[in-house]
């Protein structure tokens, strides 16, 4: 594939420069997801970053997979990400978990923690229909989330799939 020159979409003053680097993928709604070793175009004038993210749907499946199998409880932002990964509105979420829409809003805004029972049910709903062989329900959601961790997600070009790894924050 040839390298196509591209002008900055923000300032339109300079050509973007490509580098391979880790990219904090905040666009997904989570502050702790880092895409490892992807091509990122940057503007030397205004500093804007434009990542080249291959196989976006597979990436989001990989992130959902990592969230479902993590030992710590889900954060409000992770609950929102997972709900959206199912294509559900807040009303759909409430209906499928047999609760009130206001309860969903409280979970997603961090006003009330999701009960362990609802969290485990939600995790089961996420994995239904997907093959996640290393998902162990007895390990999921057993720890309180009081340490800061980052999710590094990297594409394996040879296998054309995304892989995930949780790391302690620096």
N, C-alpha and C. Protein backbone atom coordinates (compact mmCIF):
# COMPACT_ATOMS: atom_id res chain seq x y z
N UNK A 1 0.85 -1.18 0.00
CA UNK A 1 0.00 0.00 0.00
C UNK A 1 0.89 1.24 0.00
N UNK A 2 0.63 2.17 -0.89
CA UNK A 2 1.46 3.36 -0.97
C UNK A 2 1.05 4.38 0.08
N UNK A 3 2.01 5.23 0.43
CA UNK A 3 1.79 6.25 1.44
C UNK A 3 1.13 7.46 0.78
N UNK A 4 -0.12 7.72 1.11
CA UNK A 4 -0.88 8.82 0.54
C UNK A 4 -0.69 10.06 1.42
N UNK A 5 -0.30 11.18 0.79
CA UNK A 5 -0.12 12.43 1.54
C UNK A 5 -1.50 12.99 1.88
N UNK A 6 -1.60 13.52 3.09
CA UNK A 6 -2.89 14.02 3.56
C UNK A 6 -2.67 15.32 4.31
N UNK A 7 -3.51 16.30 4.01
CA UNK A 7 -3.45 17.58 4.72
C UNK A 7 -4.18 17.45 6.04
N UNK A 8 -3.79 18.25 7.00
CA UNK A 8 -4.41 18.24 8.32
C UNK A 8 -5.89 18.61 8.18
N UNK A 9 -6.79 17.78 8.72
CA UNK A 9 -8.22 18.08 8.63
C UNK A 9 -8.66 19.19 9.59
N UNK A 10 -7.79 19.56 10.54
CA UNK A 10 -8.13 20.58 11.53
C UNK A 10 -7.68 21.96 11.06
N UNK A 11 -6.38 22.12 10.83
CA UNK A 11 -5.87 23.45 10.47
C UNK A 11 -5.72 23.64 8.96
N UNK A 12 -5.63 22.54 8.21
CA UNK A 12 -5.48 22.54 6.75
C UNK A 12 -4.23 23.28 6.28
N UNK A 13 -3.23 23.46 7.17
CA UNK A 13 -2.02 24.21 6.81
C UNK A 13 -0.83 23.32 6.46
N UNK A 14 -0.84 22.08 6.90
CA UNK A 14 0.35 21.25 6.70
C UNK A 14 -0.03 19.82 6.32
N UNK A 15 0.95 19.12 5.73
CA UNK A 15 0.77 17.70 5.45
C UNK A 15 1.02 16.92 6.73
N UNK A 16 0.24 15.87 6.93
CA UNK A 16 0.40 15.03 8.11
C UNK A 16 1.63 14.14 7.95
N UNK A 17 2.30 13.88 9.07
CA UNK A 17 3.48 13.03 9.12
C UNK A 17 3.09 11.73 9.82
N UNK A 18 3.48 10.60 9.21
CA UNK A 18 3.13 9.29 9.78
C UNK A 18 4.22 8.77 10.69
N UNK A 19 3.79 8.21 11.85
CA UNK A 19 4.68 7.53 12.79
C UNK A 19 3.95 6.32 13.34
N UNK A 20 4.70 5.30 13.69
CA UNK A 20 4.13 4.15 14.39
C UNK A 20 4.36 4.39 15.87
N UNK A 21 3.28 4.37 16.65
CA UNK A 21 3.38 4.70 18.07
C UNK A 21 2.19 4.14 18.84
N UNK A 22 2.26 4.21 20.14
CA UNK A 22 1.11 3.88 20.98
C UNK A 22 0.16 5.07 20.94
N UNK A 23 -1.13 4.76 20.92
CA UNK A 23 -2.13 5.82 20.79
C UNK A 23 -3.19 5.66 21.87
N UNK A 24 -3.39 6.66 22.73
CA UNK A 24 -4.47 6.59 23.73
C UNK A 24 -5.82 6.74 23.02
N UNK A 25 -6.58 5.66 22.99
CA UNK A 25 -7.83 5.59 22.21
C UNK A 25 -9.01 6.08 23.05
N UNK A 26 -9.04 7.36 23.32
CA UNK A 26 -10.10 7.95 24.15
C UNK A 26 -11.42 8.09 23.39
N UNK A 27 -11.36 8.03 22.07
CA UNK A 27 -12.57 8.14 21.26
C UNK A 27 -13.58 7.02 21.57
N UNK A 28 -13.12 5.92 22.15
CA UNK A 28 -14.03 4.82 22.47
C UNK A 28 -14.81 5.09 23.77
N UNK A 29 -14.47 6.18 24.46
CA UNK A 29 -15.17 6.52 25.69
C UNK A 29 -14.47 6.02 26.95
N UNK A 30 -13.34 5.35 26.78
CA UNK A 30 -12.58 4.83 27.91
C UNK A 30 -11.22 5.53 27.95
N UNK A 31 -10.82 5.99 29.13
CA UNK A 31 -9.56 6.72 29.25
C UNK A 31 -8.34 5.82 29.35
N UNK A 32 -8.53 4.52 29.51
CA UNK A 32 -7.39 3.64 29.79
C UNK A 32 -7.11 2.64 28.67
N UNK A 33 -7.56 2.91 27.44
CA UNK A 33 -7.28 2.01 26.32
C UNK A 33 -6.19 2.62 25.46
N UNK A 34 -5.11 1.85 25.25
CA UNK A 34 -3.99 2.29 24.44
C UNK A 34 -3.85 1.33 23.26
N UNK A 35 -3.88 1.85 22.05
CA UNK A 35 -3.64 1.03 20.87
C UNK A 35 -2.14 1.00 20.65
N UNK A 36 -1.55 -0.18 20.77
CA UNK A 36 -0.10 -0.32 20.74
C UNK A 36 0.39 -0.46 19.31
N UNK A 37 1.36 0.37 18.95
CA UNK A 37 2.06 0.25 17.68
C UNK A 37 1.22 0.44 16.44
N UNK A 38 0.34 1.43 16.44
CA UNK A 38 -0.44 1.70 15.24
C UNK A 38 0.13 2.92 14.52
N UNK A 39 -0.24 3.08 13.26
CA UNK A 39 0.18 4.25 12.49
C UNK A 39 -0.68 5.44 12.89
N UNK A 40 -0.01 6.53 13.27
CA UNK A 40 -0.70 7.76 13.66
C UNK A 40 -0.13 8.88 12.80
N UNK A 41 -1.03 9.60 12.15
CA UNK A 41 -0.62 10.77 11.39
C UNK A 41 -0.74 11.99 12.30
N UNK A 42 0.30 12.84 12.30
CA UNK A 42 0.28 14.03 13.15
C UNK A 42 0.56 15.27 12.32
N UNK A 43 -0.01 16.38 12.76
CA UNK A 43 0.18 17.66 12.09
C UNK A 43 1.32 18.42 12.77
N UNK A 44 2.36 18.78 12.01
CA UNK A 44 3.46 19.53 12.62
C UNK A 44 3.07 20.97 12.98
N UNK A 45 1.98 21.47 12.43
CA UNK A 45 1.53 22.84 12.69
C UNK A 45 0.69 22.94 13.97
N UNK A 46 -0.38 22.13 14.04
CA UNK A 46 -1.32 22.28 15.16
C UNK A 46 -1.27 21.12 16.16
N UNK A 47 -0.54 20.06 15.82
CA UNK A 47 -0.41 18.93 16.74
C UNK A 47 -1.55 17.93 16.71
N UNK A 48 -2.51 18.09 15.81
CA UNK A 48 -3.62 17.13 15.70
C UNK A 48 -3.11 15.75 15.37
N UNK A 49 -3.79 14.73 15.91
CA UNK A 49 -3.44 13.34 15.65
C UNK A 49 -4.59 12.67 14.91
N UNK A 50 -4.23 11.89 13.88
CA UNK A 50 -5.22 11.14 13.11
C UNK A 50 -4.75 9.69 13.06
N UNK A 51 -5.31 8.82 13.90
CA UNK A 51 -4.87 7.43 13.91
C UNK A 51 -5.45 6.64 12.73
N UNK A 52 -4.68 5.68 12.25
CA UNK A 52 -5.17 4.74 11.23
C UNK A 52 -5.52 3.46 12.00
N UNK A 53 -6.81 3.24 12.20
CA UNK A 53 -7.25 2.11 13.02
C UNK A 53 -7.86 1.06 12.12
N UNK A 54 -7.15 -0.06 11.91
CA UNK A 54 -7.69 -1.13 11.08
C UNK A 54 -8.73 -1.96 11.82
N UNK A 55 -9.69 -2.50 11.09
CA UNK A 55 -10.67 -3.45 11.62
C UNK A 55 -11.33 -2.95 12.91
N UNK A 56 -11.99 -1.83 12.81
CA UNK A 56 -12.61 -1.15 13.96
C UNK A 56 -13.58 -2.04 14.72
N UNK A 57 -14.42 -2.78 14.02
CA UNK A 57 -15.39 -3.64 14.71
C UNK A 57 -14.68 -4.72 15.52
N UNK A 58 -13.63 -5.30 14.93
CA UNK A 58 -12.85 -6.32 15.64
C UNK A 58 -12.15 -5.72 16.85
N UNK A 59 -11.68 -4.48 16.73
CA UNK A 59 -11.06 -3.78 17.86
C UNK A 59 -12.05 -3.64 19.00
N UNK A 60 -13.26 -3.19 18.70
CA UNK A 60 -14.27 -3.00 19.75
C UNK A 60 -14.68 -4.34 20.37
N UNK A 61 -14.71 -5.40 19.57
CA UNK A 61 -14.97 -6.74 20.12
C UNK A 61 -13.85 -7.15 21.07
N UNK A 62 -12.60 -6.83 20.71
CA UNK A 62 -11.45 -7.16 21.55
C UNK A 62 -11.52 -6.41 22.88
N UNK A 63 -11.88 -5.13 22.82
CA UNK A 63 -12.00 -4.33 24.04
C UNK A 63 -13.12 -4.89 24.92
N UNK A 64 -14.26 -5.22 24.32
CA UNK A 64 -15.38 -5.79 25.07
C UNK A 64 -14.96 -7.11 25.72
N UNK A 65 -14.25 -7.93 24.98
CA UNK A 65 -13.75 -9.22 25.49
C UNK A 65 -12.87 -9.00 26.71
N UNK A 66 -11.96 -8.04 26.62
CA UNK A 66 -11.05 -7.76 27.74
C UNK A 66 -11.83 -7.24 28.96
N UNK A 67 -12.82 -6.39 28.73
CA UNK A 67 -13.61 -5.86 29.84
C UNK A 67 -14.40 -6.96 30.53
N UNK A 68 -14.96 -7.85 29.75
CA UNK A 68 -15.79 -8.93 30.32
C UNK A 68 -14.97 -9.88 31.18
N UNK A 69 -13.73 -10.13 30.78
CA UNK A 69 -12.93 -11.12 31.53
C UNK A 69 -12.07 -10.50 32.63
N UNK A 70 -12.07 -9.17 32.76
CA UNK A 70 -11.22 -8.57 33.80
C UNK A 70 -11.75 -8.90 35.19
N UNK A 71 -10.83 -8.95 36.14
CA UNK A 71 -11.18 -9.32 37.51
C UNK A 71 -11.86 -8.19 38.27
N UNK A 72 -11.51 -6.96 37.95
CA UNK A 72 -12.07 -5.82 38.67
C UNK A 72 -13.51 -5.56 38.23
N UNK A 73 -14.23 -4.88 39.09
CA UNK A 73 -15.60 -4.48 38.76
C UNK A 73 -15.59 -3.51 37.58
N UNK A 74 -16.67 -3.47 36.84
CA UNK A 74 -16.80 -2.55 35.71
C UNK A 74 -16.98 -1.12 36.21
N UNK A 75 -16.33 -0.19 35.54
CA UNK A 75 -16.51 1.24 35.85
C UNK A 75 -17.74 1.74 35.09
N UNK A 76 -18.27 2.91 35.47
CA UNK A 76 -19.40 3.46 34.71
C UNK A 76 -19.11 3.61 33.21
N UNK A 77 -17.92 4.09 32.85
CA UNK A 77 -17.57 4.25 31.43
C UNK A 77 -17.52 2.90 30.72
N UNK A 78 -17.05 1.87 31.41
CA UNK A 78 -17.00 0.53 30.80
C UNK A 78 -18.41 -0.02 30.60
N UNK A 79 -19.31 0.26 31.53
CA UNK A 79 -20.70 -0.16 31.38
C UNK A 79 -21.30 0.48 30.14
N UNK A 80 -21.05 1.77 29.95
CA UNK A 80 -21.56 2.49 28.77
C UNK A 80 -20.97 1.87 27.49
N UNK A 81 -19.65 1.64 27.49
CA UNK A 81 -18.99 1.06 26.31
C UNK A 81 -19.63 -0.29 25.96
N UNK A 82 -19.79 -1.15 26.96
CA UNK A 82 -20.35 -2.48 26.70
C UNK A 82 -21.80 -2.41 26.24
N UNK A 83 -22.58 -1.51 26.83
CA UNK A 83 -23.97 -1.35 26.39
C UNK A 83 -24.00 -0.95 24.92
N UNK A 84 -23.17 0.02 24.58
CA UNK A 84 -23.12 0.48 23.18
C UNK A 84 -22.60 -0.60 22.24
N UNK A 85 -21.69 -1.45 22.76
CA UNK A 85 -21.16 -2.53 21.90
C UNK A 85 -22.26 -3.51 21.51
N UNK A 86 -23.31 -3.58 22.33
CA UNK A 86 -24.46 -4.42 22.00
C UNK A 86 -25.46 -3.70 21.08
N UNK A 87 -25.25 -2.40 20.90
CA UNK A 87 -26.18 -1.62 20.10
C UNK A 87 -27.43 -1.26 20.85
N UNK A 88 -27.36 -1.27 22.18
CA UNK A 88 -28.53 -1.02 23.01
C UNK A 88 -28.63 0.45 23.41
N UNK A 89 -29.85 0.94 23.48
CA UNK A 89 -30.13 2.22 24.12
C UNK A 89 -30.21 1.96 25.62
N UNK A 90 -30.31 3.04 26.39
CA UNK A 90 -30.50 2.88 27.84
C UNK A 90 -31.78 2.12 28.14
N UNK A 91 -32.82 2.36 27.35
CA UNK A 91 -34.10 1.66 27.53
C UNK A 91 -33.96 0.17 27.23
N UNK A 92 -33.23 -0.16 26.16
CA UNK A 92 -33.00 -1.57 25.83
C UNK A 92 -32.26 -2.27 26.97
N UNK A 93 -31.27 -1.59 27.51
CA UNK A 93 -30.46 -2.12 28.61
C UNK A 93 -31.36 -2.42 29.81
N UNK A 94 -32.18 -1.44 30.17
CA UNK A 94 -33.09 -1.61 31.31
C UNK A 94 -34.04 -2.78 31.08
N UNK A 95 -34.57 -2.87 29.88
CA UNK A 95 -35.51 -3.95 29.57
C UNK A 95 -34.85 -5.32 29.66
N UNK A 96 -33.63 -5.44 29.13
CA UNK A 96 -32.94 -6.73 29.14
C UNK A 96 -32.43 -7.13 30.51
N UNK A 97 -32.18 -6.17 31.39
CA UNK A 97 -31.77 -6.50 32.75
C UNK A 97 -32.93 -6.42 33.74
N UNK A 98 -34.13 -6.21 33.21
CA UNK A 98 -35.34 -6.18 34.04
C UNK A 98 -35.24 -5.16 35.17
N UNK A 99 -34.84 -3.93 34.79
CA UNK A 99 -34.76 -2.86 35.79
C UNK A 99 -35.29 -1.57 35.18
N UNK A 100 -35.32 -0.53 35.98
CA UNK A 100 -35.83 0.77 35.55
C UNK A 100 -34.75 1.55 34.79
N UNK A 101 -35.17 2.38 33.83
CA UNK A 101 -34.22 3.20 33.06
C UNK A 101 -33.42 4.14 33.96
N UNK A 102 -34.03 4.61 35.03
CA UNK A 102 -33.30 5.51 35.94
C UNK A 102 -32.17 4.77 36.63
N UNK A 103 -32.34 3.47 36.87
CA UNK A 103 -31.28 2.66 37.48
C UNK A 103 -30.08 2.57 36.54
N UNK A 104 -30.34 2.36 35.25
CA UNK A 104 -29.27 2.30 34.25
C UNK A 104 -28.51 3.62 34.24
N UNK A 105 -29.23 4.73 34.27
CA UNK A 105 -28.60 6.05 34.28
C UNK A 105 -27.70 6.21 35.51
N UNK A 106 -28.16 5.73 36.65
CA UNK A 106 -27.36 5.83 37.88
C UNK A 106 -26.08 5.01 37.77
N UNK A 107 -26.16 3.81 37.17
CA UNK A 107 -24.95 2.99 36.98
C UNK A 107 -23.98 3.69 36.03
N UNK A 108 -24.51 4.18 34.91
CA UNK A 108 -23.65 4.75 33.89
C UNK A 108 -23.06 6.10 34.28
N UNK A 109 -23.67 6.79 35.21
CA UNK A 109 -23.13 8.07 35.68
C UNK A 109 -22.38 7.94 37.00
N UNK A 110 -22.26 6.72 37.51
CA UNK A 110 -21.48 6.47 38.72
C UNK A 110 -22.14 6.90 40.01
N UNK A 111 -23.44 7.16 39.98
CA UNK A 111 -24.13 7.57 41.21
C UNK A 111 -24.42 6.38 42.11
N UNK A 112 -24.61 5.21 41.51
CA UNK A 112 -24.88 3.98 42.26
C UNK A 112 -24.09 2.86 41.59
N UNK A 113 -23.36 2.04 42.35
CA UNK A 113 -22.65 0.93 41.71
C UNK A 113 -23.63 -0.15 41.25
N UNK A 114 -23.31 -0.78 40.14
CA UNK A 114 -24.10 -1.90 39.65
C UNK A 114 -23.91 -3.07 40.61
N UNK A 115 -24.98 -3.75 40.97
CA UNK A 115 -24.85 -4.90 41.86
C UNK A 115 -24.03 -5.99 41.17
N UNK A 116 -23.37 -6.82 41.98
CA UNK A 116 -22.58 -7.92 41.40
C UNK A 116 -23.45 -8.83 40.54
N UNK A 117 -24.66 -9.10 41.00
CA UNK A 117 -25.55 -9.98 40.24
C UNK A 117 -25.86 -9.39 38.86
N UNK A 118 -26.20 -8.11 38.83
CA UNK A 118 -26.48 -7.48 37.54
C UNK A 118 -25.24 -7.39 36.67
N UNK A 119 -24.09 -7.12 37.29
CA UNK A 119 -22.86 -7.05 36.52
C UNK A 119 -22.52 -8.40 35.89
N UNK A 120 -22.64 -9.46 36.67
CA UNK A 120 -22.35 -10.79 36.12
C UNK A 120 -23.34 -11.17 35.02
N UNK A 121 -24.61 -10.83 35.20
CA UNK A 121 -25.61 -11.07 34.16
C UNK A 121 -25.25 -10.28 32.90
N UNK A 122 -24.89 -9.03 33.07
CA UNK A 122 -24.51 -8.18 31.95
C UNK A 122 -23.31 -8.76 31.21
N UNK A 123 -22.31 -9.23 31.95
CA UNK A 123 -21.14 -9.85 31.32
C UNK A 123 -21.55 -11.09 30.54
N UNK A 124 -22.46 -11.88 31.09
CA UNK A 124 -22.95 -13.07 30.37
C UNK A 124 -23.68 -12.68 29.08
N UNK A 125 -24.45 -11.61 29.14
CA UNK A 125 -25.17 -11.15 27.95
C UNK A 125 -24.16 -10.73 26.88
N UNK A 126 -23.10 -10.05 27.28
CA UNK A 126 -22.07 -9.61 26.34
C UNK A 126 -21.45 -10.80 25.62
N UNK A 127 -21.13 -11.85 26.36
CA UNK A 127 -20.42 -12.98 25.74
C UNK A 127 -21.35 -13.95 25.03
N UNK A 128 -22.64 -13.85 25.24
CA UNK A 128 -23.54 -14.81 24.57
C UNK A 128 -23.40 -14.68 23.06
N UNK A 129 -23.19 -15.81 22.44
CA UNK A 129 -23.02 -15.81 21.00
C UNK A 129 -21.60 -15.57 20.55
N UNK A 130 -20.70 -15.30 21.48
CA UNK A 130 -19.29 -15.11 21.13
C UNK A 130 -18.47 -16.21 21.79
N UNK A 131 -17.42 -16.63 21.12
CA UNK A 131 -16.55 -17.64 21.70
C UNK A 131 -15.42 -16.95 22.46
N UNK A 132 -15.52 -16.95 23.76
CA UNK A 132 -14.47 -16.42 24.61
C UNK A 132 -14.06 -17.57 25.52
N UNK A 133 -13.04 -18.28 25.12
CA UNK A 133 -12.69 -19.52 25.79
C UNK A 133 -12.04 -19.32 27.16
N UNK A 134 -11.41 -18.18 27.38
CA UNK A 134 -10.74 -17.99 28.66
C UNK A 134 -11.56 -17.17 29.65
N UNK A 135 -12.85 -17.03 29.39
CA UNK A 135 -13.73 -16.29 30.30
C UNK A 135 -14.16 -17.21 31.43
N UNK A 136 -13.83 -16.83 32.66
CA UNK A 136 -14.19 -17.63 33.83
C UNK A 136 -15.05 -16.77 34.74
N UNK A 137 -16.32 -17.10 34.83
CA UNK A 137 -17.26 -16.30 35.62
C UNK A 137 -16.85 -16.18 37.08
N UNK A 138 -16.18 -17.17 37.63
CA UNK A 138 -15.82 -17.12 39.04
C UNK A 138 -14.75 -16.07 39.31
N UNK A 139 -13.95 -15.70 38.28
CA UNK A 139 -12.91 -14.70 38.45
C UNK A 139 -13.40 -13.29 38.15
N UNK A 140 -14.41 -13.18 37.31
CA UNK A 140 -14.87 -11.86 36.87
C UNK A 140 -15.57 -11.11 38.00
N UNK A 141 -15.33 -9.83 38.07
CA UNK A 141 -16.01 -8.92 39.00
C UNK A 141 -15.81 -9.29 40.47
N UNK A 142 -14.69 -9.93 40.79
CA UNK A 142 -14.49 -10.32 42.18
C UNK A 142 -13.64 -9.33 42.97
N UNK A 143 -12.98 -8.41 42.27
CA UNK A 143 -12.14 -7.43 42.95
C UNK A 143 -12.76 -6.05 42.85
N UNK A 144 -12.60 -5.27 43.90
CA UNK A 144 -13.01 -3.87 43.84
C UNK A 144 -11.99 -3.14 42.97
N UNK A 145 -12.43 -2.20 42.18
CA UNK A 145 -11.55 -1.49 41.24
C UNK A 145 -10.86 -0.30 41.85
N UNK A 146 -9.89 -0.52 42.73
CA UNK A 146 -9.24 0.61 43.37
C UNK A 146 -7.82 0.85 42.87
N UNK A 147 -7.32 0.07 41.93
CA UNK A 147 -6.01 0.38 41.36
C UNK A 147 -6.20 0.78 39.89
N UNK A 148 -5.32 1.63 39.42
CA UNK A 148 -5.43 2.14 38.06
C UNK A 148 -4.68 1.21 37.12
N UNK A 149 -5.40 0.72 36.11
CA UNK A 149 -4.79 -0.14 35.11
C UNK A 149 -5.14 0.40 33.73
N UNK A 150 -4.29 0.07 32.76
CA UNK A 150 -4.53 0.48 31.37
C UNK A 150 -4.67 -0.77 30.52
N UNK A 151 -5.55 -0.68 29.53
CA UNK A 151 -5.75 -1.77 28.58
C UNK A 151 -4.96 -1.45 27.32
N UNK A 152 -3.93 -2.24 27.04
CA UNK A 152 -3.16 -2.10 25.81
C UNK A 152 -3.75 -3.06 24.78
N UNK A 153 -4.09 -2.53 23.62
CA UNK A 153 -4.68 -3.33 22.56
C UNK A 153 -3.78 -3.20 21.34
N UNK A 154 -3.37 -4.35 20.79
CA UNK A 154 -2.41 -4.34 19.68
C UNK A 154 -2.93 -5.23 18.57
N UNK A 155 -2.70 -4.81 17.32
CA UNK A 155 -3.11 -5.65 16.20
C UNK A 155 -1.97 -6.58 15.83
N UNK A 156 -2.29 -7.84 15.65
CA UNK A 156 -1.35 -8.84 15.17
C UNK A 156 -1.57 -8.90 13.66
N UNK A 157 -0.68 -8.24 12.91
CA UNK A 157 -0.88 -8.14 11.46
C UNK A 157 -0.90 -9.51 10.78
N UNK A 158 -0.08 -10.43 11.27
CA UNK A 158 -0.02 -11.76 10.66
C UNK A 158 -1.35 -12.50 10.81
N UNK A 159 -1.95 -12.40 11.99
CA UNK A 159 -3.23 -13.09 12.25
C UNK A 159 -4.43 -12.22 11.90
N UNK A 160 -4.17 -10.91 11.64
CA UNK A 160 -5.22 -9.94 11.35
C UNK A 160 -6.28 -9.92 12.44
N UNK A 161 -5.80 -9.88 13.70
CA UNK A 161 -6.72 -9.79 14.83
C UNK A 161 -6.11 -8.94 15.93
N UNK A 162 -6.98 -8.41 16.77
CA UNK A 162 -6.57 -7.58 17.90
C UNK A 162 -6.34 -8.46 19.12
N UNK A 163 -5.33 -8.10 19.92
CA UNK A 163 -5.08 -8.80 21.18
C UNK A 163 -5.07 -7.77 22.30
N UNK A 164 -5.35 -8.23 23.52
CA UNK A 164 -5.44 -7.31 24.65
C UNK A 164 -4.54 -7.73 25.79
N UNK A 165 -4.12 -6.74 26.59
CA UNK A 165 -3.31 -7.00 27.77
C UNK A 165 -3.56 -5.87 28.78
N UNK A 166 -3.89 -6.25 30.01
CA UNK A 166 -4.06 -5.26 31.09
C UNK A 166 -2.71 -5.03 31.74
N UNK A 167 -2.35 -3.74 31.95
CA UNK A 167 -1.08 -3.40 32.61
C UNK A 167 -1.35 -2.37 33.70
N UNK A 168 -0.57 -2.46 34.78
CA UNK A 168 -0.65 -1.45 35.83
C UNK A 168 -0.24 -0.11 35.24
N UNK A 169 -0.93 0.95 35.65
CA UNK A 169 -0.59 2.29 35.17
C UNK A 169 0.76 2.71 35.72
N UNK A 170 1.48 3.48 34.94
CA UNK A 170 2.84 3.91 35.33
C UNK A 170 2.79 4.94 36.44
